[in-house]
mmCIF file of all heavy atoms, coordinates in Angstrom:
data_MODEL
# 
_entry.id   MODEL 
# 
loop_
_atom_site.group_PDB 
_atom_site.id 
_atom_site.type_symbol 
_atom_site.label_atom_id 
_atom_site.label_alt_id 
_atom_site.label_comp_id 
_atom_site.label_asym_id 
_atom_site.label_entity_id 
_atom_site.label_seq_id 
_atom_site.pdbx_PDB_ins_code 
_atom_site.Cartn_x 
_atom_site.Cartn_y 
_atom_site.Cartn_z 
_atom_site.occupancy 
_atom_site.B_iso_or_equiv 
_atom_site.pdbx_formal_charge 
_atom_site.auth_seq_id 
_atom_site.auth_comp_id 
_atom_site.auth_asym_id 
_atom_site.auth_atom_id 
_atom_site.pdbx_PDB_model_num 
ATOM 1   N N   . ALA A 1 1  ? 7.803   53.579 -30.078 1.00 0.00 ? 1  ALA A N   1 
ATOM 2   C CA  . ALA A 1 1  ? 9.208   53.206 -30.122 1.00 0.00 ? 1  ALA A CA  1 
ATOM 3   C C   . ALA A 1 1  ? 10.036  54.279 -30.801 1.00 0.00 ? 1  ALA A C   1 
ATOM 4   O O   . ALA A 1 1  ? 9.574   54.940 -31.730 1.00 0.00 ? 1  ALA A O   1 
ATOM 5   C CB  . ALA A 1 1  ? 9.388   51.876 -30.856 1.00 0.00 ? 1  ALA A CB  1 
ATOM 6   N N   . ASP A 1 2  ? 11.262  54.431 -30.319 1.00 0.00 ? 2  ASP A N   1 
ATOM 7   C CA  . ASP A 1 2  ? 12.231  55.363 -30.878 1.00 0.00 ? 2  ASP A CA  1 
ATOM 8   C C   . ASP A 1 2  ? 13.453  54.578 -31.328 1.00 0.00 ? 2  ASP A C   1 
ATOM 9   O O   . ASP A 1 2  ? 14.118  53.941 -30.502 1.00 0.00 ? 2  ASP A O   1 
ATOM 10  C CB  . ASP A 1 2  ? 12.630  56.412 -29.844 1.00 0.00 ? 2  ASP A CB  1 
ATOM 11  C CG  . ASP A 1 2  ? 13.797  57.271 -30.294 1.00 0.00 ? 2  ASP A CG  1 
ATOM 12  O OD1 . ASP A 1 2  ? 13.949  57.486 -31.522 1.00 0.00 ? 2  ASP A OD1 1 
ATOM 13  O OD2 . ASP A 1 2  ? 14.568  57.741 -29.426 1.00 0.00 ? 2  ASP A OD2 1 
ATOM 14  N N   . SER A 1 3  ? 13.736  54.633 -32.608 1.00 0.00 ? 3  SER A N   1 
ATOM 15  C CA  . SER A 1 3  ? 14.905  53.960 -33.165 1.00 0.00 ? 3  SER A CA  1 
ATOM 16  C C   . SER A 1 3  ? 16.058  54.912 -33.445 1.00 0.00 ? 3  SER A C   1 
ATOM 17  O O   . SER A 1 3  ? 17.105  54.481 -33.925 1.00 0.00 ? 3  SER A O   1 
ATOM 18  C CB  . SER A 1 3  ? 14.527  53.236 -34.459 1.00 0.00 ? 3  SER A CB  1 
ATOM 19  O OG  . SER A 1 3  ? 14.105  54.151 -35.452 1.00 0.00 ? 3  SER A OG  1 
ATOM 20  N N   . GLN A 1 4  ? 15.885  56.198 -33.134 1.00 0.00 ? 4  GLN A N   1 
ATOM 21  C CA  . GLN A 1 4  ? 16.864  57.222 -33.478 1.00 0.00 ? 4  GLN A CA  1 
ATOM 22  C C   . GLN A 1 4  ? 17.679  57.716 -32.292 1.00 0.00 ? 4  GLN A C   1 
ATOM 23  O O   . GLN A 1 4  ? 18.447  58.664 -32.427 1.00 0.00 ? 4  GLN A O   1 
ATOM 24  C CB  . GLN A 1 4  ? 16.154  58.407 -34.150 1.00 0.00 ? 4  GLN A CB  1 
ATOM 25  C CG  . GLN A 1 4  ? 15.398  58.035 -35.415 1.00 0.00 ? 4  GLN A CG  1 
ATOM 26  C CD  . GLN A 1 4  ? 14.731  59.230 -36.069 1.00 0.00 ? 4  GLN A CD  1 
ATOM 27  O OE1 . GLN A 1 4  ? 15.118  60.375 -35.830 1.00 0.00 ? 4  GLN A OE1 1 
ATOM 28  N NE2 . GLN A 1 4  ? 13.738  58.967 -36.889 1.00 0.00 ? 4  GLN A NE2 1 
ATOM 29  N N   . ARG A 1 5  ? 17.536  57.103 -31.146 1.00 0.00 ? 5  ARG A N   1 
ATOM 30  C CA  . ARG A 1 5  ? 18.268  57.463 -29.938 1.00 0.00 ? 5  ARG A CA  1 
ATOM 31  C C   . ARG A 1 5  ? 18.111  58.947 -29.615 1.00 0.00 ? 5  ARG A C   1 
ATOM 32  O O   . ARG A 1 5  ? 19.102  59.686 -29.467 1.00 0.00 ? 5  ARG A O   1 
ATOM 33  C CB  . ARG A 1 5  ? 19.746  57.088 -30.069 1.00 0.00 ? 5  ARG A CB  1 
ATOM 34  C CG  . ARG A 1 5  ? 20.481  57.038 -28.736 1.00 0.00 ? 5  ARG A CG  1 
ATOM 35  C CD  . ARG A 1 5  ? 21.955  56.700 -28.914 1.00 0.00 ? 5  ARG A CD  1 
ATOM 36  N NE  . ARG A 1 5  ? 22.641  56.655 -27.633 1.00 0.00 ? 5  ARG A NE  1 
ATOM 37  C CZ  . ARG A 1 5  ? 23.123  57.723 -27.015 1.00 0.00 ? 5  ARG A CZ  1 
ATOM 38  N NH1 . ARG A 1 5  ? 22.992  58.931 -27.550 1.00 0.00 ? 5  ARG A NH1 1 
ATOM 39  N NH2 . ARG A 1 5  ? 23.736  57.589 -25.841 1.00 0.00 ? 5  ARG A NH2 1 
ATOM 40  N N   . ARG A 1 6  ? 16.885  59.369 -29.501 1.00 0.00 ? 6  ARG A N   1 
ATOM 41  C CA  . ARG A 1 6  ? 16.628  60.744 -29.099 1.00 0.00 ? 6  ARG A CA  1 
ATOM 42  C C   . ARG A 1 6  ? 17.025  60.955 -27.643 1.00 0.00 ? 6  ARG A C   1 
ATOM 43  O O   . ARG A 1 6  ? 17.006  60.023 -26.844 1.00 0.00 ? 6  ARG A O   1 
ATOM 44  C CB  . ARG A 1 6  ? 15.155  61.099 -29.311 1.00 0.00 ? 6  ARG A CB  1 
ATOM 45  C CG  . ARG A 1 6  ? 14.718  61.072 -30.771 1.00 0.00 ? 6  ARG A CG  1 
ATOM 46  C CD  . ARG A 1 6  ? 13.233  61.378 -30.900 1.00 0.00 ? 6  ARG A CD  1 
ATOM 47  N NE  . ARG A 1 6  ? 12.813  61.553 -32.274 1.00 0.00 ? 6  ARG A NE  1 
ATOM 48  C CZ  . ARG A 1 6  ? 12.416  60.560 -33.063 1.00 0.00 ? 6  ARG A CZ  1 
ATOM 49  N NH1 . ARG A 1 6  ? 12.394  59.314 -32.606 1.00 0.00 ? 6  ARG A NH1 1 
ATOM 50  N NH2 . ARG A 1 6  ? 12.042  60.822 -34.308 1.00 0.00 ? 6  ARG A NH2 1 
ATOM 51  N N   . PRO A 1 7  ? 17.394  62.184 -27.264 1.00 0.00 ? 7  PRO A N   1 
ATOM 52  C CA  . PRO A 1 7  ? 17.807  62.454 -25.882 1.00 0.00 ? 7  PRO A CA  1 
ATOM 53  C C   . PRO A 1 7  ? 16.712  62.122 -24.880 1.00 0.00 ? 7  PRO A C   1 
ATOM 54  O O   . PRO A 1 7  ? 15.523  62.122 -25.204 1.00 0.00 ? 7  PRO A O   1 
ATOM 55  C CB  . PRO A 1 7  ? 18.106  63.955 -25.896 1.00 0.00 ? 7  PRO A CB  1 
ATOM 56  C CG  . PRO A 1 7  ? 18.437  64.266 -27.319 1.00 0.00 ? 7  PRO A CG  1 
ATOM 57  C CD  . PRO A 1 7  ? 17.551  63.358 -28.130 1.00 0.00 ? 7  PRO A CD  1 
ATOM 58  N N   . PHE A 1 8  ? 17.106  61.877 -23.650 1.00 0.00 ? 8  PHE A N   1 
ATOM 59  C CA  . PHE A 1 8  ? 16.190  61.474 -22.595 1.00 0.00 ? 8  PHE A CA  1 
ATOM 60  C C   . PHE A 1 8  ? 15.076  62.489 -22.388 1.00 0.00 ? 8  PHE A C   1 
ATOM 61  O O   . PHE A 1 8  ? 13.960  62.119 -22.009 1.00 0.00 ? 8  PHE A O   1 
ATOM 62  C CB  . PHE A 1 8  ? 16.965  61.268 -21.296 1.00 0.00 ? 8  PHE A CB  1 
ATOM 63  C CG  . PHE A 1 8  ? 16.117  60.796 -20.147 1.00 0.00 ? 8  PHE A CG  1 
ATOM 64  C CD1 . PHE A 1 8  ? 15.636  59.500 -20.109 1.00 0.00 ? 8  PHE A CD1 1 
ATOM 65  C CD2 . PHE A 1 8  ? 15.805  61.649 -19.100 1.00 0.00 ? 8  PHE A CD2 1 
ATOM 66  C CE1 . PHE A 1 8  ? 14.855  59.056 -19.053 1.00 0.00 ? 8  PHE A CE1 1 
ATOM 67  C CE2 . PHE A 1 8  ? 15.030  61.222 -18.035 1.00 0.00 ? 8  PHE A CE2 1 
ATOM 68  C CZ  . PHE A 1 8  ? 14.555  59.921 -18.011 1.00 0.00 ? 8  PHE A CZ  1 
ATOM 69  N N   . ILE A 1 9  ? 15.348  63.754 -22.640 1.00 0.00 ? 9  ILE A N   1 
ATOM 70  C CA  . ILE A 1 9  ? 14.349  64.788 -22.430 1.00 0.00 ? 9  ILE A CA  1 
ATOM 71  C C   . ILE A 1 9  ? 13.113  64.574 -23.304 1.00 0.00 ? 9  ILE A C   1 
ATOM 72  O O   . ILE A 1 9  ? 12.026  65.072 -22.998 1.00 0.00 ? 9  ILE A O   1 
ATOM 73  C CB  . ILE A 1 9  ? 14.956  66.185 -22.673 1.00 0.00 ? 9  ILE A CB  1 
ATOM 74  C CG1 . ILE A 1 9  ? 14.038  67.279 -22.142 1.00 0.00 ? 9  ILE A CG1 1 
ATOM 75  C CG2 . ILE A 1 9  ? 15.257  66.386 -24.148 1.00 0.00 ? 9  ILE A CG2 1 
ATOM 76  C CD1 . ILE A 1 9  ? 14.651  68.666 -22.192 1.00 0.00 ? 9  ILE A CD1 1 
ATOM 77  N N   . TYR A 1 10 ? 13.267  63.810 -24.385 1.00 0.00 ? 10 TYR A N   1 
ATOM 78  C CA  . TYR A 1 10 ? 12.143  63.539 -25.277 1.00 0.00 ? 10 TYR A CA  1 
ATOM 79  C C   . TYR A 1 10 ? 11.341  62.300 -24.889 1.00 0.00 ? 10 TYR A C   1 
ATOM 80  O O   . TYR A 1 10 ? 10.385  61.947 -25.582 1.00 0.00 ? 10 TYR A O   1 
ATOM 81  C CB  . TYR A 1 10 ? 12.641  63.372 -26.712 1.00 0.00 ? 10 TYR A CB  1 
ATOM 82  C CG  . TYR A 1 10 ? 13.166  64.640 -27.333 1.00 0.00 ? 10 TYR A CG  1 
ATOM 83  C CD1 . TYR A 1 10 ? 14.531  64.888 -27.390 1.00 0.00 ? 10 TYR A CD1 1 
ATOM 84  C CD2 . TYR A 1 10 ? 12.301  65.581 -27.867 1.00 0.00 ? 10 TYR A CD2 1 
ATOM 85  C CE1 . TYR A 1 10 ? 15.021  66.057 -27.959 1.00 0.00 ? 10 TYR A CE1 1 
ATOM 86  C CE2 . TYR A 1 10 ? 12.787  66.748 -28.438 1.00 0.00 ? 10 TYR A CE2 1 
ATOM 87  C CZ  . TYR A 1 10 ? 14.147  66.976 -28.477 1.00 0.00 ? 10 TYR A CZ  1 
ATOM 88  O OH  . TYR A 1 10 ? 14.631  68.129 -29.046 1.00 0.00 ? 10 TYR A OH  1 
ATOM 89  N N   . ALA A 1 11 ? 11.688  61.645 -23.803 1.00 0.00 ? 11 ALA A N   1 
ATOM 90  C CA  . ALA A 1 11 ? 11.084  60.363 -23.457 1.00 0.00 ? 11 ALA A CA  1 
ATOM 91  C C   . ALA A 1 11 ? 9.575   60.448 -23.226 1.00 0.00 ? 11 ALA A C   1 
ATOM 92  O O   . ALA A 1 11 ? 8.861   59.471 -23.454 1.00 0.00 ? 11 ALA A O   1 
ATOM 93  C CB  . ALA A 1 11 ? 11.765  59.782 -22.225 1.00 0.00 ? 11 ALA A CB  1 
ATOM 94  N N   . GLN A 1 12 ? 9.090   61.590 -22.767 1.00 0.00 ? 12 GLN A N   1 
ATOM 95  C CA  . GLN A 1 12 ? 7.672   61.768 -22.485 1.00 0.00 ? 12 GLN A CA  1 
ATOM 96  C C   . GLN A 1 12 ? 6.975   62.641 -23.525 1.00 0.00 ? 12 GLN A C   1 
ATOM 97  O O   . GLN A 1 12 ? 5.852   63.097 -23.295 1.00 0.00 ? 12 GLN A O   1 
ATOM 98  C CB  . GLN A 1 12 ? 7.473   62.359 -21.090 1.00 0.00 ? 12 GLN A CB  1 
ATOM 99  C CG  . GLN A 1 12 ? 7.935   61.441 -19.973 1.00 0.00 ? 12 GLN A CG  1 
ATOM 100 C CD  . GLN A 1 12 ? 7.749   62.047 -18.608 1.00 0.00 ? 12 GLN A CD  1 
ATOM 101 O OE1 . GLN A 1 12 ? 8.399   63.034 -18.262 1.00 0.00 ? 12 GLN A OE1 1 
ATOM 102 N NE2 . GLN A 1 12 ? 6.859   61.471 -17.819 1.00 0.00 ? 12 GLN A NE2 1 
ATOM 103 N N   . SER A 1 13 ? 7.611   62.837 -24.657 1.00 0.00 ? 13 SER A N   1 
ATOM 104 C CA  . SER A 1 13 ? 7.082   63.692 -25.715 1.00 0.00 ? 13 SER A CA  1 
ATOM 105 C C   . SER A 1 13 ? 6.603   62.854 -26.899 1.00 0.00 ? 13 SER A C   1 
ATOM 106 O O   . SER A 1 13 ? 7.221   61.859 -27.266 1.00 0.00 ? 13 SER A O   1 
ATOM 107 C CB  . SER A 1 13 ? 8.149   64.680 -26.172 1.00 0.00 ? 13 SER A CB  1 
ATOM 108 O OG  . SER A 1 13 ? 7.717   65.391 -27.320 1.00 0.00 ? 13 SER A OG  1 
ATOM 109 N N   . ASN A 1 14 ? 5.503   63.280 -27.502 1.00 0.00 ? 14 ASN A N   1 
ATOM 110 C CA  . ASN A 1 14 ? 5.041   62.639 -28.736 1.00 0.00 ? 14 ASN A CA  1 
ATOM 111 C C   . ASN A 1 14 ? 6.111   62.668 -29.819 1.00 0.00 ? 14 ASN A C   1 
ATOM 112 O O   . ASN A 1 14 ? 6.204   61.744 -30.631 1.00 0.00 ? 14 ASN A O   1 
ATOM 113 C CB  . ASN A 1 14 ? 3.781   63.328 -29.258 1.00 0.00 ? 14 ASN A CB  1 
ATOM 114 C CG  . ASN A 1 14 ? 2.585   63.124 -28.365 1.00 0.00 ? 14 ASN A CG  1 
ATOM 115 O OD1 . ASN A 1 14 ? 2.488   62.142 -27.639 1.00 0.00 ? 14 ASN A OD1 1 
ATOM 116 N ND2 . ASN A 1 14 ? 1.639   64.060 -28.434 1.00 0.00 ? 14 ASN A ND2 1 
ATOM 117 N N   . ASP A 1 15 ? 6.910   63.739 -29.821 1.00 0.00 ? 15 ASP A N   1 
ATOM 118 C CA  . ASP A 1 15 ? 7.951   63.905 -30.823 1.00 0.00 ? 15 ASP A CA  1 
ATOM 119 C C   . ASP A 1 15 ? 9.144   62.999 -30.583 1.00 0.00 ? 15 ASP A C   1 
ATOM 120 O O   . ASP A 1 15 ? 10.061  62.968 -31.403 1.00 0.00 ? 15 ASP A O   1 
ATOM 121 C CB  . ASP A 1 15 ? 8.420   65.358 -30.857 1.00 0.00 ? 15 ASP A CB  1 
ATOM 122 C CG  . ASP A 1 15 ? 7.343   66.310 -31.314 1.00 0.00 ? 15 ASP A CG  1 
ATOM 123 O OD1 . ASP A 1 15 ? 6.446   65.876 -32.064 1.00 0.00 ? 15 ASP A OD1 1 
ATOM 124 O OD2 . ASP A 1 15 ? 7.392   67.491 -30.927 1.00 0.00 ? 15 ASP A OD2 1 
ATOM 125 N N   . GLY A 1 16 ? 9.172   62.279 -29.477 1.00 0.00 ? 16 GLY A N   1 
ATOM 126 C CA  . GLY A 1 16 ? 10.284  61.403 -29.169 1.00 0.00 ? 16 GLY A CA  1 
ATOM 127 C C   . GLY A 1 16 ? 10.204  60.032 -29.802 1.00 0.00 ? 16 GLY A C   1 
ATOM 128 O O   . GLY A 1 16 ? 11.112  59.220 -29.608 1.00 0.00 ? 16 GLY A O   1 
ATOM 129 N N   . TYR A 1 17 ? 9.152   59.777 -30.555 1.00 0.00 ? 17 TYR A N   1 
ATOM 130 C CA  . TYR A 1 17 ? 8.915   58.439 -31.085 1.00 0.00 ? 17 TYR A CA  1 
ATOM 131 C C   . TYR A 1 17 ? 8.545   58.474 -32.555 1.00 0.00 ? 17 TYR A C   1 
ATOM 132 O O   . TYR A 1 17 ? 7.855   59.396 -33.014 1.00 0.00 ? 17 TYR A O   1 
ATOM 133 C CB  . TYR A 1 17 ? 7.825   57.743 -30.255 1.00 0.00 ? 17 TYR A CB  1 
ATOM 134 C CG  . TYR A 1 17 ? 8.226   57.655 -28.812 1.00 0.00 ? 17 TYR A CG  1 
ATOM 135 C CD1 . TYR A 1 17 ? 7.899   58.668 -27.919 1.00 0.00 ? 17 TYR A CD1 1 
ATOM 136 C CD2 . TYR A 1 17 ? 8.981   56.582 -28.359 1.00 0.00 ? 17 TYR A CD2 1 
ATOM 137 C CE1 . TYR A 1 17 ? 8.318   58.610 -26.597 1.00 0.00 ? 17 TYR A CE1 1 
ATOM 138 C CE2 . TYR A 1 17 ? 9.399   56.517 -27.042 1.00 0.00 ? 17 TYR A CE2 1 
ATOM 139 C CZ  . TYR A 1 17 ? 9.063   57.532 -26.170 1.00 0.00 ? 17 TYR A CZ  1 
ATOM 140 O OH  . TYR A 1 17 ? 9.481   57.468 -24.860 1.00 0.00 ? 17 TYR A OH  1 
ATOM 141 N N   . ASP A 1 18 ? 8.998   57.463 -33.281 1.00 0.00 ? 18 ASP A N   1 
ATOM 142 C CA  . ASP A 1 18 ? 8.773   57.415 -34.715 1.00 0.00 ? 18 ASP A CA  1 
ATOM 143 C C   . ASP A 1 18 ? 7.897   56.246 -35.160 1.00 0.00 ? 18 ASP A C   1 
ATOM 144 O O   . ASP A 1 18 ? 7.576   56.141 -36.347 1.00 0.00 ? 18 ASP A O   1 
ATOM 145 C CB  . ASP A 1 18 ? 10.113  57.368 -35.478 1.00 0.00 ? 18 ASP A CB  1 
ATOM 146 C CG  . ASP A 1 18 ? 11.102  56.401 -34.869 1.00 0.00 ? 18 ASP A CG  1 
ATOM 147 O OD1 . ASP A 1 18 ? 10.879  55.176 -34.982 1.00 0.00 ? 18 ASP A OD1 1 
ATOM 148 O OD2 . ASP A 1 18 ? 12.111  56.859 -34.299 1.00 0.00 ? 18 ASP A OD2 1 
ATOM 149 N N   . SER A 1 19 ? 7.513   55.380 -34.233 1.00 0.00 ? 19 SER A N   1 
ATOM 150 C CA  . SER A 1 19 ? 6.615   54.271 -34.542 1.00 0.00 ? 19 SER A CA  1 
ATOM 151 C C   . SER A 1 19 ? 5.557   54.159 -33.464 1.00 0.00 ? 19 SER A C   1 
ATOM 152 O O   . SER A 1 19 ? 5.846   54.346 -32.283 1.00 0.00 ? 19 SER A O   1 
ATOM 153 C CB  . SER A 1 19 ? 7.376   52.948 -34.650 1.00 0.00 ? 19 SER A CB  1 
ATOM 154 O OG  . SER A 1 19 ? 8.315   52.974 -35.717 1.00 0.00 ? 19 SER A OG  1 
ATOM 155 N N   . TRP A 1 20 ? 4.340   53.820 -33.881 1.00 0.00 ? 20 TRP A N   1 
ATOM 156 C CA  . TRP A 1 20 ? 3.220   53.724 -32.957 1.00 0.00 ? 20 TRP A CA  1 
ATOM 157 C C   . TRP A 1 20 ? 2.393   52.485 -33.248 1.00 0.00 ? 20 TRP A C   1 
ATOM 158 O O   . TRP A 1 20 ? 2.183   52.119 -34.403 1.00 0.00 ? 20 TRP A O   1 
ATOM 159 C CB  . TRP A 1 20 ? 2.314   54.955 -33.066 1.00 0.00 ? 20 TRP A CB  1 
ATOM 160 C CG  . TRP A 1 20 ? 2.985   56.223 -32.659 1.00 0.00 ? 20 TRP A CG  1 
ATOM 161 C CD1 . TRP A 1 20 ? 3.786   57.019 -33.426 1.00 0.00 ? 20 TRP A CD1 1 
ATOM 162 C CD2 . TRP A 1 20 ? 2.926   56.835 -31.371 1.00 0.00 ? 20 TRP A CD2 1 
ATOM 163 N NE1 . TRP A 1 20 ? 4.231   58.093 -32.692 1.00 0.00 ? 20 TRP A NE1 1 
ATOM 164 C CE2 . TRP A 1 20 ? 3.716   58.007 -31.429 1.00 0.00 ? 20 TRP A CE2 1 
ATOM 165 C CE3 . TRP A 1 20 ? 2.282   56.515 -30.178 1.00 0.00 ? 20 TRP A CE3 1 
ATOM 166 C CZ2 . TRP A 1 20 ? 3.875   58.851 -30.328 1.00 0.00 ? 20 TRP A CZ2 1 
ATOM 167 C CZ3 . TRP A 1 20 ? 2.442   57.352 -29.086 1.00 0.00 ? 20 TRP A CZ3 1 
ATOM 168 C CH2 . TRP A 1 20 ? 3.227   58.503 -29.170 1.00 0.00 ? 20 TRP A CH2 1 
ATOM 169 N N   . GLY A 1 21 ? 1.918   51.839 -32.182 1.00 0.00 ? 21 GLY A N   1 
ATOM 170 C CA  . GLY A 1 21 ? 1.010   50.725 -32.341 1.00 0.00 ? 21 GLY A CA  1 
ATOM 171 C C   . GLY A 1 21 ? -0.406  51.200 -32.592 1.00 0.00 ? 21 GLY A C   1 
ATOM 172 O O   . GLY A 1 21 ? -0.700  52.396 -32.573 1.00 0.00 ? 21 GLY A O   1 
ATOM 173 N N   . GLN A 1 22 ? -1.296  50.254 -32.825 1.00 0.00 ? 22 GLN A N   1 
ATOM 174 C CA  . GLN A 1 22 ? -2.684  50.589 -33.137 1.00 0.00 ? 22 GLN A CA  1 
ATOM 175 C C   . GLN A 1 22 ? -3.512  50.876 -31.896 1.00 0.00 ? 22 GLN A C   1 
ATOM 176 O O   . GLN A 1 22 ? -4.608  51.430 -32.006 1.00 0.00 ? 22 GLN A O   1 
ATOM 177 C CB  . GLN A 1 22 ? -3.323  49.451 -33.934 1.00 0.00 ? 22 GLN A CB  1 
ATOM 178 C CG  . GLN A 1 22 ? -3.823  48.274 -33.103 1.00 0.00 ? 22 GLN A CG  1 
ATOM 179 C CD  . GLN A 1 22 ? -2.715  47.387 -32.581 1.00 0.00 ? 22 GLN A CD  1 
ATOM 180 O OE1 . GLN A 1 22 ? -1.544  47.547 -32.935 1.00 0.00 ? 22 GLN A OE1 1 
ATOM 181 N NE2 . GLN A 1 22 ? -3.080  46.431 -31.733 1.00 0.00 ? 22 GLN A NE2 1 
ATOM 182 N N   . GLY A 1 23 ? -3.018  50.513 -30.730 1.00 0.00 ? 23 GLY A N   1 
ATOM 183 C CA  . GLY A 1 23 ? -3.712  50.756 -29.481 1.00 0.00 ? 23 GLY A CA  1 
ATOM 184 C C   . GLY A 1 23 ? -4.421  49.533 -28.949 1.00 0.00 ? 23 GLY A C   1 
ATOM 185 O O   . GLY A 1 23 ? -4.926  48.706 -29.703 1.00 0.00 ? 23 GLY A O   1 
ATOM 186 N N   . THR A 1 24 ? -4.465  49.411 -27.623 1.00 0.00 ? 24 THR A N   1 
ATOM 187 C CA  . THR A 1 24 ? -5.209  48.356 -26.958 1.00 0.00 ? 24 THR A CA  1 
ATOM 188 C C   . THR A 1 24 ? -6.024  48.984 -25.837 1.00 0.00 ? 24 THR A C   1 
ATOM 189 O O   . THR A 1 24 ? -5.520  49.795 -25.060 1.00 0.00 ? 24 THR A O   1 
ATOM 190 C CB  . THR A 1 24 ? -4.272  47.248 -26.423 1.00 0.00 ? 24 THR A CB  1 
ATOM 191 O OG1 . THR A 1 24 ? -5.046  46.201 -25.835 1.00 0.00 ? 24 THR A OG1 1 
ATOM 192 C CG2 . THR A 1 24 ? -3.290  47.790 -25.394 1.00 0.00 ? 24 THR A CG2 1 
ATOM 193 N N   . GLN A 1 25 ? -7.296  48.646 -25.773 1.00 0.00 ? 25 GLN A N   1 
ATOM 194 C CA  . GLN A 1 25 ? -8.215  49.307 -24.855 1.00 0.00 ? 25 GLN A CA  1 
ATOM 195 C C   . GLN A 1 25 ? -8.104  48.732 -23.450 1.00 0.00 ? 25 GLN A C   1 
ATOM 196 O O   . GLN A 1 25 ? -8.112  47.521 -23.249 1.00 0.00 ? 25 GLN A O   1 
ATOM 197 C CB  . GLN A 1 25 ? -9.656  49.174 -25.356 1.00 0.00 ? 25 GLN A CB  1 
ATOM 198 C CG  . GLN A 1 25 ? -10.709 49.813 -24.451 1.00 0.00 ? 25 GLN A CG  1 
ATOM 199 C CD  . GLN A 1 25 ? -10.608 51.324 -24.420 1.00 0.00 ? 25 GLN A CD  1 
ATOM 200 O OE1 . GLN A 1 25 ? -10.303 51.954 -25.431 1.00 0.00 ? 25 GLN A OE1 1 
ATOM 201 N NE2 . GLN A 1 25 ? -10.853 51.911 -23.252 1.00 0.00 ? 25 GLN A NE2 1 
ATOM 202 N N   . VAL A 1 26 ? -8.039  49.623 -22.465 1.00 0.00 ? 26 VAL A N   1 
ATOM 203 C CA  . VAL A 1 26 ? -8.102  49.263 -21.053 1.00 0.00 ? 26 VAL A CA  1 
ATOM 204 C C   . VAL A 1 26 ? -9.302  49.966 -20.450 1.00 0.00 ? 26 VAL A C   1 
ATOM 205 O O   . VAL A 1 26 ? -9.420  51.186 -20.531 1.00 0.00 ? 26 VAL A O   1 
ATOM 206 C CB  . VAL A 1 26 ? -6.821  49.665 -20.306 1.00 0.00 ? 26 VAL A CB  1 
ATOM 207 C CG1 . VAL A 1 26 ? -6.994  49.467 -18.795 1.00 0.00 ? 26 VAL A CG1 1 
ATOM 208 C CG2 . VAL A 1 26 ? -5.639  48.858 -20.814 1.00 0.00 ? 26 VAL A CG2 1 
ATOM 209 N N   . THR A 1 27 ? -10.195 49.197 -19.857 1.00 0.00 ? 27 THR A N   1 
ATOM 210 C CA  . THR A 1 27 ? -11.391 49.748 -19.242 1.00 0.00 ? 27 THR A CA  1 
ATOM 211 C C   . THR A 1 27 ? -11.457 49.303 -17.789 1.00 0.00 ? 27 THR A C   1 
ATOM 212 O O   . THR A 1 27 ? -11.424 48.108 -17.498 1.00 0.00 ? 27 THR A O   1 
ATOM 213 C CB  . THR A 1 27 ? -12.654 49.296 -19.988 1.00 0.00 ? 27 THR A CB  1 
ATOM 214 O OG1 . THR A 1 27 ? -12.581 49.693 -21.358 1.00 0.00 ? 27 THR A OG1 1 
ATOM 215 C CG2 . THR A 1 27 ? -13.897 49.901 -19.350 1.00 0.00 ? 27 THR A CG2 1 
# 
């Protein structure tokens, strides 16, 4: 999630987000 309204160009970048979940496995 991004709460800082980063530009659209950052939408696919790790640097575009400031919060991360713990992950859920898909097999």
